[in-house]
């Protein structure tokens, strides 16, 4: 999408509004598919962005679906994914949610000893599962999004392999897949190969194994100078590793990845309006009609988003601190060079497709923004903006 098209969206649908460019999602998916062998499968991690239209579009591209809640599974089925194209990887849920997923016939990934034991005692070999391993590999740009380190709540420690084996053997669980996910923002492809080596070692302990799932964490650049994970180089290295393993072990396993942010982040543009320019003795604030209730990543992860002035792209650069309208410290960018911002100017946050709307809230009783999909040259509304009545929708007045 170009800036003129984004301004038209702001004019037609108002602000704040998330806009997703379908062509960008397609391009990112095709980049992955062309970088790996045909036998490699990609499961879109829909926690990044789960609007039903995005799910339908990704399904039509040929991707599978990675879900972390039972409702994501149900959304996936509604979007057209068949059960065998869905992997359910919950965390800290009870057996009842696992059983609900079993009834829907999707792949199930178990990530703790307690549920593994409960499942085995009740179901034995009747339903094949994946086991999620914590490899104790620290990866990710921020500690909050690294999931493979020793303090992480995700997965079963590789040092508990003997415990896993005892449960599997005593209850006859059919382990058809092994899974690990070390974190996000992984720039070094060797991290994936390190994880794959651990998977190969574990594979010998599970005779019915069919699948290895490496999670994701492919890095996309958020600012100038950052590099993207070289998925083409990774694809070649992974192919060699898988081929060598097959020759040595006699096992030909299918490899899975779970890209989320990599597919949708670049597609997203978050449009806001400048409410006020406030100059203090130390700072010039650009106060916008949004806040961390709409885009929490900068406050939560210290994430960087390029911010541009669509209304005055050729204005002289000035230094601004961009802040929101929430009654909390609510800063999107400190001391950022941006073309001169005037009150009512439309700003755009780039790379806002992942964990933007998905993590939004009604904090301060503010309304959630609209969502628009730019598809085949047309801007289509895919979620209407909240209205005041939505704040009261599920409340029960007793006074």
Protein backbone atom coordinates (compact mmCIF):
# COMPACT_ATOMS: atom_id res chain seq x y z
CA UNK A 1 0.00 0.00 0.00
CA UNK A 2 1.17 3.51 -0.71
CA UNK A 3 0.68 6.55 1.49
CA UNK A 4 -2.13 7.97 -0.67
CA UNK A 5 -4.10 4.77 -0.22
CA UNK A 6 -3.55 4.89 3.53
CA UNK A 7 -4.79 8.48 3.70
CA UNK A 8 -7.90 7.43 1.78
CA UNK A 9 -8.51 4.69 4.34
CA UNK A 10 -8.20 7.23 7.17
CA UNK A 11 -10.64 9.53 5.38
CA UNK A 12 -13.16 6.76 4.67
CA UNK A 13 -13.01 4.76 7.90
CA UNK A 14 -11.66 7.28 10.41
CA UNK A 15 -8.97 6.69 13.01
CA UNK A 16 -7.60 4.86 14.88
CA UNK A 17 -7.69 2.06 12.29
CA UNK A 18 -5.57 -0.99 11.58
CA UNK A 19 -5.00 -1.65 7.87
CA UNK A 20 -3.62 -4.96 6.56
CA UNK A 21 -2.19 -5.37 3.07
CA UNK A 22 -3.09 -8.83 1.76
CA UNK A 23 -0.35 -8.70 -0.89
CA UNK A 24 2.29 -8.39 1.85
CA UNK A 25 0.98 -11.48 3.66
CA UNK A 26 1.04 -13.43 0.41
CA UNK A 27 4.58 -12.28 -0.38
CA UNK A 28 5.87 -13.35 3.04
CA UNK A 29 4.19 -16.75 2.78
CA UNK A 30 5.59 -17.36 -0.70
CA UNK A 31 9.05 -16.39 0.55
CA UNK A 32 8.86 -19.16 3.13
CA UNK A 33 7.45 -21.76 0.75
CA UNK A 34 10.14 -21.08 -1.85
CA UNK A 35 12.92 -21.27 0.76
CA UNK A 36 12.19 -24.75 2.09
CA UNK A 37 11.54 -28.20 0.65
CA UNK A 38 7.99 -29.02 -0.42
CA UNK A 39 7.65 -31.48 2.45
CA UNK A 40 8.06 -28.63 4.98
CA UNK A 41 4.75 -27.35 6.34
CA UNK A 42 3.94 -23.93 7.75
CA UNK A 43 1.38 -23.38 10.49
CA UNK A 44 0.32 -19.74 10.84
CA UNK A 45 0.54 -18.78 14.53
CA UNK A 46 -2.79 -17.05 14.66
CA UNK A 47 -2.24 -15.45 18.07
CA UNK A 48 -0.45 -12.74 16.06
CA UNK A 49 -3.66 -11.71 14.27
CA UNK A 50 -6.84 -13.76 14.35
CA UNK A 51 -9.45 -11.73 12.47
CA UNK A 52 -11.58 -14.33 10.67
CA UNK A 53 -10.84 -12.73 7.28
CA UNK A 54 -7.09 -13.01 7.85
CA UNK A 55 -7.53 -16.66 8.81
CA UNK A 56 -9.56 -17.34 5.66
CA UNK A 57 -6.98 -15.57 3.51
CA UNK A 58 -4.05 -17.49 5.02
CA UNK A 59 -5.99 -20.75 4.63
CA UNK A 60 -6.55 -19.98 0.94
CA UNK A 61 -2.80 -19.39 0.50
CA UNK A 62 -2.25 -22.99 1.62
CA UNK A 63 -0.94 -22.48 5.15
CA UNK A 64 -1.93 -24.58 8.15
CA UNK A 65 -2.83 -23.16 11.56
CA UNK A 66 -1.11 -23.03 14.95
CA UNK A 67 -3.53 -22.37 17.84
CA UNK A 68 -2.92 -21.75 21.54
CA UNK A 69 -6.51 -21.71 22.80
CA UNK A 70 -9.57 -23.81 22.08
CA UNK A 71 -11.34 -20.75 20.68
CA UNK A 72 -8.53 -20.21 18.18
CA UNK A 73 -9.10 -23.82 17.11
CA UNK A 74 -12.82 -23.13 16.63
CA UNK A 75 -12.04 -19.96 14.67
CA UNK A 76 -9.70 -21.97 12.46
CA UNK A 77 -12.36 -24.56 11.71
CA UNK A 78 -14.83 -21.78 10.93
CA UNK A 79 -12.26 -20.23 8.57
CA UNK A 80 -12.06 -23.45 6.55
CA UNK A 81 -9.03 -25.27 7.99
CA UNK A 82 -9.57 -29.00 8.24
CA UNK A 83 -8.73 -30.55 11.65
CA UNK A 84 -5.54 -32.15 10.35
CA UNK A 85 -4.29 -28.72 9.28
CA UNK A 86 -4.58 -27.41 12.84
CA UNK A 87 -2.08 -27.85 15.69
CA UNK A 88 -3.29 -27.03 19.20
CA UNK A 89 -0.49 -26.01 21.58
CA UNK A 90 -2.06 -24.75 24.82
CA UNK A 91 -0.22 -23.73 27.96
CA UNK A 92 -1.39 -24.15 31.56
CA UNK A 93 -4.82 -25.50 30.59
CA UNK A 94 -6.62 -28.39 32.25
CA UNK A 95 -7.38 -31.77 30.72
CA UNK A 96 -10.93 -30.66 29.86
CA UNK A 97 -9.62 -28.21 27.24
CA UNK A 98 -7.37 -30.92 25.79
CA UNK A 99 -10.41 -33.21 25.58
CA UNK A 100 -12.40 -30.50 23.80
CA UNK A 101 -9.66 -30.32 21.18
CA UNK A 102 -9.64 -34.12 20.88
CA UNK A 103 -13.34 -34.02 20.05
CA UNK A 104 -12.49 -31.64 17.20
CA UNK A 105 -9.84 -34.10 15.91
CA UNK A 106 -6.96 -31.61 15.65
CA UNK A 107 -3.28 -32.29 16.37
CA UNK A 108 -2.57 -31.80 20.08
CA UNK A 109 0.69 -30.68 21.68
CA UNK A 110 1.19 -31.31 25.43
CA UNK A 111 3.75 -29.19 27.23
CA UNK A 112 3.81 -30.36 30.86
CA UNK A 113 4.30 -33.58 32.83
CA UNK A 114 1.05 -33.30 34.78
CA UNK A 115 -1.26 -33.21 31.75
CA UNK A 116 0.86 -35.78 29.92
CA UNK A 117 0.35 -38.19 32.80
CA UNK A 118 -3.37 -37.46 33.10
CA UNK A 119 -3.80 -37.89 29.35
CA UNK A 120 -1.85 -41.14 29.28
CA UNK A 121 -3.71 -42.69 32.18
CA UNK A 122 -7.07 -41.88 30.59
CA UNK A 123 -6.47 -42.31 26.87
CA UNK A 124 -3.26 -44.30 26.38
CA UNK A 125 -2.53 -44.89 22.70
CA UNK A 126 -6.02 -44.00 21.45
CA UNK A 127 -5.11 -40.44 20.33
CA UNK A 128 -1.66 -39.50 18.97
CA UNK A 129 -0.02 -36.40 20.45
CA UNK A 130 2.95 -34.07 20.21
CA UNK A 131 5.21 -33.36 23.19
CA UNK A 132 6.58 -29.84 23.59
CA UNK A 133 10.18 -29.75 24.78
CA UNK A 134 12.01 -26.85 26.44
CA UNK A 135 15.52 -27.06 24.92
CA UNK A 136 17.04 -24.51 27.33
CA UNK A 137 18.18 -22.35 24.42
CA UNK A 138 17.95 -18.63 25.08
CA UNK A 139 16.73 -16.89 21.92
CA UNK A 140 14.71 -13.76 21.20
CA UNK A 141 15.25 -10.03 21.17
CA UNK A 142 13.55 -9.44 24.52
CA UNK A 143 13.47 -11.69 27.61
CA UNK A 144 9.68 -11.42 27.64
CA UNK A 145 9.43 -13.12 24.23
CA UNK A 146 12.09 -15.77 24.77
CA UNK A 147 10.45 -19.11 25.54
CA UNK A 148 13.26 -21.66 25.51
CA UNK A 149 15.34 -20.56 28.51
CA UNK A 150 15.52 -22.40 31.82
CA UNK A 151 13.06 -20.08 33.60
CA UNK A 152 10.39 -20.36 30.90
CA UNK A 153 6.98 -21.83 31.71
CA UNK A 154 6.77 -23.36 28.22
CA UNK A 155 7.53 -26.99 27.42
CA UNK A 156 8.98 -29.93 29.32
CA UNK A 157 12.67 -29.68 30.11
CA UNK A 158 15.00 -31.84 28.06
CA UNK A 159 16.43 -32.91 31.42
CA UNK A 160 13.07 -34.56 32.18
CA UNK A 161 13.31 -36.90 29.21
CA UNK A 162 13.48 -39.97 31.45
CA UNK A 163 10.27 -38.87 33.18
CA UNK A 164 8.54 -38.40 29.82
CA UNK A 165 9.69 -41.85 28.73
CA UNK A 166 8.37 -43.48 31.89
CA UNK A 167 4.92 -41.97 31.34
CA UNK A 168 4.88 -42.80 27.62
CA UNK A 169 5.96 -46.39 28.16
CA UNK A 170 3.74 -47.10 31.16
CA UNK A 171 0.60 -45.62 29.57
CA UNK A 172 1.41 -46.50 25.93
CA UNK A 173 1.01 -42.91 24.70
CA UNK A 174 1.54 -42.58 20.94
CA UNK A 175 3.96 -39.67 20.49
CA UNK A 176 3.85 -38.74 16.80
CA UNK A 177 5.52 -35.34 17.05
CA UNK A 178 8.12 -33.36 18.98
CA UNK A 179 7.85 -29.59 19.29
CA UNK A 180 10.06 -26.77 20.50
CA UNK A 181 9.89 -22.97 20.24
CA UNK A 182 12.80 -20.95 21.57
CA UNK A 183 11.42 -17.43 21.12
CA UNK A 184 10.89 -14.56 18.71
CA UNK A 185 13.18 -12.18 16.85
CA UNK A 186 15.78 -14.88 16.05
CA UNK A 187 18.38 -13.47 13.67
CA UNK A 188 20.95 -16.28 13.91
CA UNK A 189 19.85 -19.28 11.83
CA UNK A 190 22.24 -21.46 13.83
CA UNK A 191 19.78 -21.25 16.75
CA UNK A 192 17.33 -23.31 14.68
CA UNK A 193 20.05 -25.81 13.77
CA UNK A 194 21.06 -26.09 17.42
CA UNK A 195 17.45 -26.86 18.28
CA UNK A 196 17.20 -29.33 15.41
CA UNK A 197 20.24 -31.23 16.71
CA UNK A 198 18.49 -31.59 20.07
CA UNK A 199 15.37 -32.84 18.27
CA UNK A 200 17.41 -35.44 16.39
CA UNK A 201 18.84 -36.74 19.68
CA UNK A 202 15.35 -36.99 21.19
CA UNK A 203 13.87 -38.65 18.11
CA UNK A 204 15.54 -41.97 18.91
CA UNK A 205 13.43 -42.21 22.07
CA UNK A 206 10.08 -42.09 20.25
CA UNK A 207 9.63 -44.95 17.74
CA UNK A 208 6.32 -43.68 16.30
CA UNK A 209 7.63 -40.20 15.50
CA UNK A 210 6.44 -38.56 12.27
CA UNK A 211 6.87 -34.80 12.79
CA UNK A 212 9.40 -32.30 14.12
CA UNK A 213 7.99 -28.83 14.84
CA UNK A 214 10.58 -26.07 15.28
CA UNK A 215 8.15 -23.29 16.20
CA UNK A 216 9.19 -20.02 14.64
CA UNK A 217 10.73 -16.75 15.73
CA UNK A 218 11.82 -15.56 12.29
CA UNK A 219 13.04 -11.98 12.67
CA UNK A 220 11.53 -9.16 10.65
CA UNK A 221 13.19 -5.70 10.66
CA UNK A 222 11.38 -2.96 12.58
CA UNK A 223 13.80 -0.13 11.87
CA UNK A 224 16.53 0.84 9.44
CA UNK A 225 19.67 -1.23 9.85
CA UNK A 226 17.97 -4.30 11.29
CA UNK A 227 18.25 -7.58 9.44
CA UNK A 228 15.63 -10.21 8.67
CA UNK A 229 16.14 -13.91 9.31
CA UNK A 230 17.68 -15.31 6.13
CA UNK A 231 15.02 -17.96 5.52
CA UNK A 232 16.55 -18.98 2.21
CA UNK A 233 19.86 -19.83 3.88
CA UNK A 234 18.02 -21.50 6.74
CA UNK A 235 16.02 -23.61 4.29
CA UNK A 236 19.20 -24.95 2.69
CA UNK A 237 20.85 -25.74 6.04
CA UNK A 238 17.74 -27.41 7.40
CA UNK A 239 17.32 -29.52 4.24
CA UNK A 240 20.89 -30.79 4.56
CA UNK A 241 20.42 -31.56 8.26
CA UNK A 242 17.15 -33.42 7.65
CA UNK A 243 18.66 -35.37 4.74
CA UNK A 244 21.72 -36.37 6.78
CA UNK A 245 19.51 -37.44 9.69
CA UNK A 246 17.31 -39.56 7.44
CA UNK A 247 20.37 -41.37 6.04
CA UNK A 248 21.88 -41.99 9.47
CA UNK A 249 18.71 -42.99 11.31
CA UNK A 250 16.53 -44.45 8.58
CA UNK A 251 13.75 -42.10 9.73
CA UNK A 252 12.24 -39.62 7.29
CA UNK A 253 10.45 -37.02 9.39
CA UNK A 254 8.27 -34.11 8.27
CA UNK A 255 9.40 -30.65 9.38
CA UNK A 256 6.97 -27.97 10.57
CA UNK A 257 7.37 -24.26 11.34
CA UNK A 258 4.91 -21.81 12.95
CA UNK A 259 5.38 -18.30 11.50
CA UNK A 260 3.09 -15.65 12.96
CA UNK A 261 4.68 -12.22 13.11
CA UNK A 262 6.76 -13.07 10.03
CA UNK A 263 3.61 -13.41 7.91
CA UNK A 264 1.50 -10.49 9.10
CA UNK A 265 3.65 -7.84 10.79
CA UNK A 266 4.80 -6.03 7.63
CA UNK A 267 1.26 -6.06 6.29
CA UNK A 268 -0.05 -3.91 9.13
CA UNK A 269 -0.34 -0.13 9.20
CA UNK A 270 -1.87 1.58 12.23
CA UNK A 271 -3.45 4.94 11.40
CA UNK A 272 -3.97 7.58 14.08
CA UNK A 273 -4.84 11.28 14.25
CA UNK A 274 -2.80 13.88 16.09
CA UNK A 275 -4.98 15.47 18.77
CA UNK A 276 -2.58 17.98 20.25
CA UNK A 277 0.98 19.30 20.06
CA UNK A 278 2.11 20.03 23.60
CA UNK A 279 5.41 21.79 24.22
CA UNK A 280 6.97 21.68 27.67
CA UNK A 281 10.25 23.08 28.94
CA UNK A 282 12.02 19.88 27.85
CA UNK A 283 9.91 18.06 25.29
CA UNK A 284 7.55 18.45 22.36
CA UNK A 285 4.75 15.89 22.69
CA UNK A 286 2.62 14.74 19.79
CA UNK A 287 -0.52 13.47 21.51
CA UNK A 288 -2.59 11.08 19.37
CA UNK A 289 -6.10 9.62 19.51
CA UNK A 290 -4.88 6.20 20.58
CA UNK A 291 -2.85 4.62 23.36
CA UNK A 292 -1.38 1.39 24.64
CA UNK A 293 -4.95 0.10 24.79
CA UNK A 294 -4.66 -0.18 20.99
CA UNK A 295 -0.94 -0.87 20.51
CA UNK A 296 0.77 -2.14 23.65
CA UNK A 297 4.01 -3.44 22.14
CA UNK A 298 6.15 -0.31 22.71
CA UNK A 299 5.21 -0.17 26.40
CA UNK A 300 5.18 -3.94 26.95
CA UNK A 301 8.19 -5.09 24.90
CA UNK A 302 10.07 -1.83 24.29
CA UNK A 303 9.20 -2.51 20.65
CA UNK A 304 10.17 -0.01 17.97
CA UNK A 305 7.71 1.03 15.26
CA UNK A 306 8.60 3.48 12.51
CA UNK A 307 6.18 6.43 12.75
CA UNK A 308 5.59 8.65 9.72
CA UNK A 309 3.51 11.75 9.10
CA UNK A 310 1.24 10.95 6.14
CA UNK A 311 -0.30 14.43 6.09
CA UNK A 312 2.98 16.35 5.91
CA UNK A 313 5.59 13.96 4.45
CA UNK A 314 7.84 16.74 3.16
CA UNK A 315 7.74 18.93 6.24
CA UNK A 316 10.98 19.72 8.07
CA UNK A 317 12.06 17.07 10.53
CA UNK A 318 11.54 17.89 14.18
CA UNK A 319 11.99 15.86 17.35
CA UNK A 320 8.84 14.57 19.04
CA UNK A 321 7.84 12.26 21.83
CA UNK A 322 4.72 10.50 20.59
CA UNK A 323 2.24 9.74 23.36
CA UNK A 324 -1.26 8.39 23.69
CA UNK A 325 -4.48 9.50 25.37
CA UNK A 326 -4.49 6.90 28.17
CA UNK A 327 -4.28 7.93 31.83
CA UNK A 328 -0.98 6.10 32.37
CA UNK A 329 2.53 6.63 31.10
CA UNK A 330 1.69 5.91 27.50
CA UNK A 331 4.68 6.54 25.27
CA UNK A 332 5.08 5.17 21.75
CA UNK A 333 8.38 6.87 20.91
CA UNK A 334 10.87 9.12 22.72
CA UNK A 335 12.76 11.89 20.93
CA UNK A 336 11.87 10.63 17.47
CA UNK A 337 12.68 12.56 14.26
CA UNK A 338 9.43 12.93 12.30
CA UNK A 339 8.37 15.37 9.58
CA UNK A 340 6.71 18.34 11.30
CA UNK A 341 3.48 17.24 12.97
CA UNK A 342 0.50 19.56 13.14
CA UNK A 343 -2.71 19.04 15.02
CA UNK A 344 -5.10 16.79 13.01
CA UNK A 345 -2.25 15.27 10.96
CA UNK A 346 -2.56 11.56 10.23
CA UNK A 347 0.34 9.42 11.43
CA UNK A 348 1.08 5.83 10.53
CA UNK A 349 2.81 3.18 12.64
CA UNK A 350 4.57 0.66 10.38
CA UNK A 351 4.91 -3.08 11.00
CA UNK A 352 1.77 -3.12 13.12
CA UNK A 353 0.11 -6.27 11.82
CA UNK A 354 1.22 -8.61 14.61
CA UNK A 355 0.13 -8.30 18.25
CA UNK A 356 -1.46 -4.92 17.58
CA UNK A 357 -5.22 -5.21 17.50
CA UNK A 358 -4.83 -8.73 18.90
CA UNK A 359 -3.60 -7.37 22.24
CA UNK A 360 -5.92 -4.36 22.33
CA UNK A 361 -8.33 -3.61 25.18
CA UNK A 362 -11.00 -1.19 26.37
CA UNK A 363 -8.79 0.26 29.11
CA UNK A 364 -10.02 3.69 30.25
CA UNK A 365 -13.34 2.70 28.60
CA UNK A 366 -11.82 3.65 25.26
CA UNK A 367 -13.28 2.01 22.17
CA UNK A 368 -11.37 -0.56 20.14
CA UNK A 369 -10.33 0.56 16.62
CA UNK A 370 -11.59 -0.60 13.24
CA UNK A 371 -9.75 -3.11 11.03
CA UNK A 372 -9.48 -2.86 7.24
CA UNK A 373 -8.12 -5.38 4.72
CA UNK A 374 -6.59 -3.99 1.52
CA UNK A 375 -7.29 -6.72 -1.03
CA UNK A 376 -7.00 -6.52 -4.82
CA UNK A 377 -6.81 -2.73 -4.73
CA UNK A 378 -9.85 -2.29 -2.49
CA UNK A 379 -10.05 -1.27 1.16
CA UNK A 380 -12.59 -3.53 2.88
CA UNK A 381 -13.86 -3.10 6.43
CA UNK A 382 -13.31 -6.38 8.33
CA UNK A 383 -14.14 -5.16 11.84
CA UNK A 384 -16.26 -2.16 12.67
CA UNK A 385 -15.09 0.29 15.27
CA UNK A 386 -16.45 -0.23 18.77
CA UNK A 387 -19.46 1.84 19.76
CA UNK A 388 -20.35 2.98 23.27
CA UNK A 389 -22.91 0.18 23.62
CA UNK A 390 -20.13 -2.39 23.19
CA UNK A 391 -18.68 -1.34 26.55
CA UNK A 392 -21.91 -2.44 28.24
CA UNK A 393 -22.66 -5.46 26.05
CA UNK A 394 -21.83 -8.15 28.60
CA UNK A 395 -22.44 -6.17 31.77
CA UNK A 396 -25.49 -6.95 33.89
CA UNK A 397 -26.99 -3.94 35.64
CA UNK A 398 -28.30 -4.89 39.08
CA UNK A 399 -28.68 -1.40 40.56
